[in-house]
Protein backbone atom coordinates (compact mmCIF):
# COMPACT_ATOMS: atom_id res chain seq x y z
CA UNK A 1 -197.03 -66.70 94.61
CA UNK A 2 -194.79 -69.51 93.45
CA UNK A 3 -195.72 -73.09 94.13
CA UNK A 4 -192.72 -75.13 95.33
CA UNK A 5 -191.79 -78.04 93.19
CA UNK A 6 -191.43 -81.34 95.00
CA UNK A 7 -189.57 -82.84 92.09
CA UNK A 8 -186.49 -80.68 92.62
CA UNK A 9 -186.26 -81.22 96.38
CA UNK A 10 -186.75 -84.96 95.96
CA UNK A 11 -183.84 -85.00 93.48
CA UNK A 12 -181.47 -83.27 95.98
CA UNK A 13 -182.36 -85.75 98.71
CA UNK A 14 -181.82 -88.66 96.36
CA UNK A 15 -178.31 -87.41 95.40
CA UNK A 16 -177.30 -87.14 99.05
CA UNK A 17 -178.64 -90.61 99.81
CA UNK A 18 -176.60 -92.25 97.03
CA UNK A 19 -173.34 -90.54 98.06
CA UNK A 20 -173.46 -91.78 101.67
CA UNK A 21 -172.76 -95.50 100.94
CA UNK A 22 -169.97 -94.59 98.55
CA UNK A 23 -168.27 -92.40 101.17
CA UNK A 24 -168.61 -95.25 103.69
CA UNK A 25 -166.96 -97.69 101.27
CA UNK A 26 -164.09 -95.27 100.58
CA UNK A 27 -163.44 -94.82 104.30
CA UNK A 28 -163.59 -98.58 104.92
CA UNK A 29 -161.05 -99.17 102.13
CA UNK A 30 -158.82 -96.45 103.55
CA UNK A 31 -158.95 -98.01 107.02
CA UNK A 32 -158.28 -101.47 105.55
CA UNK A 33 -155.16 -100.39 103.63
CA UNK A 34 -153.78 -98.39 106.55
CA UNK A 35 -154.22 -101.28 108.98
CA UNK A 36 -152.88 -103.84 106.49
CA UNK A 37 -149.70 -101.87 105.87
CA UNK A 38 -149.07 -100.90 109.50
CA UNK A 39 -146.92 -103.97 110.36
CA UNK A 40 -145.04 -104.28 107.07
CA UNK A 41 -141.24 -104.34 107.02
CA UNK A 42 -139.88 -101.33 105.23
CA UNK A 43 -138.01 -102.21 102.07
CA UNK A 44 -135.05 -99.98 102.78
CA UNK A 45 -134.18 -102.23 105.74
CA UNK A 46 -133.87 -105.33 103.56
CA UNK A 47 -130.48 -105.87 101.89
CA UNK A 48 -130.85 -105.69 98.12
CA UNK A 49 -128.26 -105.62 95.39
CA UNK A 50 -129.49 -103.81 92.30
CA UNK A 51 -127.78 -104.10 88.96
CA UNK A 52 -126.32 -100.80 87.82
CA UNK A 53 -126.05 -100.09 84.14
CA UNK A 54 -126.48 -103.52 82.60
CA UNK A 55 -128.99 -106.32 82.59
CA UNK A 56 -126.38 -109.08 82.73
CA UNK A 57 -125.68 -110.49 86.15
CA UNK A 58 -122.10 -110.76 87.37
CA UNK A 59 -120.44 -114.15 87.66
CA UNK A 60 -121.37 -115.91 90.87
CA UNK A 61 -118.56 -116.66 93.26
CA UNK A 62 -118.72 -120.24 94.56
CA UNK A 63 -119.38 -120.22 98.28
CA UNK A 64 -118.20 -122.79 100.76
CA UNK A 65 -120.77 -125.37 101.69
CA UNK A 66 -121.80 -125.21 105.33
CA UNK A 67 -121.47 -128.36 107.35
CA UNK A 68 -124.53 -130.53 106.84
CA UNK A 69 -124.32 -133.02 109.68
CA UNK A 70 -121.79 -134.74 111.89
CA UNK A 71 -121.79 -138.53 111.65
CA UNK A 72 -120.29 -140.45 114.56
CA UNK A 73 -119.95 -144.17 113.91
CA UNK A 74 -119.38 -146.28 117.01
CA UNK A 75 -117.82 -149.71 116.54
CA UNK A 76 -116.22 -152.25 118.79
CA UNK A 77 -112.67 -153.51 118.17
CA UNK A 78 -111.54 -156.00 120.77
CA UNK A 79 -112.37 -154.58 124.20
CA UNK A 80 -112.34 -150.96 123.06
CA UNK A 81 -114.99 -148.74 121.48
CA UNK A 82 -113.77 -146.73 118.49
CA UNK A 83 -115.60 -143.60 117.33
CA UNK A 84 -115.15 -142.71 113.68
CA UNK A 85 -115.64 -139.08 112.61
CA UNK A 86 -114.87 -138.00 109.03
CA UNK A 87 -112.82 -141.15 108.36
CA UNK A 88 -110.71 -140.47 111.44
CA UNK A 89 -110.86 -142.87 114.35
CA UNK A 90 -110.87 -141.77 117.98
CA UNK A 91 -110.12 -144.25 120.74
CA UNK A 92 -109.80 -141.54 123.40
CA UNK A 93 -112.94 -139.58 124.30
CA UNK A 94 -110.87 -136.53 125.27
CA UNK A 95 -109.63 -136.13 121.70
CA UNK A 96 -113.14 -136.68 120.38
CA UNK A 97 -114.52 -134.05 122.76
CA UNK A 98 -111.93 -131.48 121.61
CA UNK A 99 -112.80 -132.11 117.94
CA UNK A 100 -116.54 -131.94 118.62
CA UNK A 101 -116.12 -128.75 120.65
CA UNK A 102 -114.29 -127.05 117.78
CA UNK A 103 -117.03 -128.16 115.36
CA UNK A 104 -119.78 -126.96 117.71
CA UNK A 105 -118.16 -123.52 117.96
CA UNK A 106 -118.50 -123.18 114.17
CA UNK A 107 -122.11 -124.34 113.90
CA UNK A 108 -123.91 -125.70 116.99
CA UNK A 109 -127.20 -126.01 115.08
CA UNK A 110 -126.04 -128.84 112.79
CA UNK A 111 -127.28 -132.27 113.86
CA UNK A 112 -125.06 -135.01 115.23
CA UNK A 113 -126.04 -138.48 114.04
CA UNK A 114 -124.89 -141.48 116.05
CA UNK A 115 -124.49 -144.66 113.99
CA UNK A 116 -124.01 -147.43 116.55
CA UNK A 117 -123.13 -151.04 115.80
CA UNK A 118 -124.91 -153.83 117.70
CA UNK A 119 -121.92 -154.92 119.81
CA UNK A 120 -121.24 -151.45 121.32
CA UNK A 121 -122.15 -151.38 125.03
CA UNK A 122 -124.96 -149.08 126.12
CA UNK A 123 -122.65 -147.17 128.48
CA UNK A 124 -120.31 -146.22 125.60
CA UNK A 125 -123.27 -145.03 123.53
CA UNK A 126 -124.51 -142.84 126.41
CA UNK A 127 -120.97 -141.53 126.96
CA UNK A 128 -120.74 -140.51 123.28
CA UNK A 129 -124.18 -138.89 123.48
CA UNK A 130 -123.15 -136.94 126.60
CA UNK A 131 -119.85 -135.94 124.96
CA UNK A 132 -121.77 -134.49 122.00
CA UNK A 133 -124.06 -132.56 124.34
CA UNK A 134 -121.13 -131.27 126.40
CA UNK A 135 -119.39 -130.13 123.20
CA UNK A 136 -122.29 -127.76 122.53
CA UNK A 137 -124.46 -129.45 119.90
CA UNK A 138 -128.20 -128.87 120.22
CA UNK A 139 -129.64 -131.78 118.26
CA UNK A 140 -128.41 -135.37 118.45
CA UNK A 141 -130.07 -138.19 116.49
CA UNK A 142 -129.65 -141.94 116.15
CA UNK A 143 -129.21 -143.63 112.78
CA UNK A 144 -131.34 -146.70 112.18
CA UNK A 145 -131.36 -149.43 109.58
CA UNK A 146 -134.84 -149.57 108.05
CA UNK A 147 -134.58 -153.30 107.31
CA UNK A 148 -133.72 -154.13 110.93
CA UNK A 149 -136.41 -151.92 112.47
CA UNK A 150 -139.35 -152.88 110.26
CA UNK A 151 -138.74 -156.09 108.31
CA UNK A 152 -140.78 -156.35 105.15
CA UNK A 153 -143.53 -158.96 105.05
CA UNK A 154 -143.72 -161.28 102.05
């Protein structure tokens, strides 16, 4: 009769016990990478221009600059408020509204900045603000002079 060896059976149990944590780690890594890549944008949807044949890049074509901002300067001449836009003066709000509407059709997201002199009546400032809104601009700001708003202390 053969006496069973405990050494051999203990060795088989020990091998199985050490493989279990490693299999768990592999599955956890697999789950992590699958869940991390689930919401990624596929690269073939992104527009990419790849160079074909040479390392040198082609000459860049100068592009037109988009409009940065629209400055409206309000000033008072006599009894009339004049609005200056791109070095052109508008005394009639209808003409100003037509110009602003055509600019807003091109890019309504650009900001309109109102630069108002001290002697311009409040009603004319509000009318210019409303004209800019009616033209289709989304963001309208007021220009300020830093020295007038917060005088420096000596």
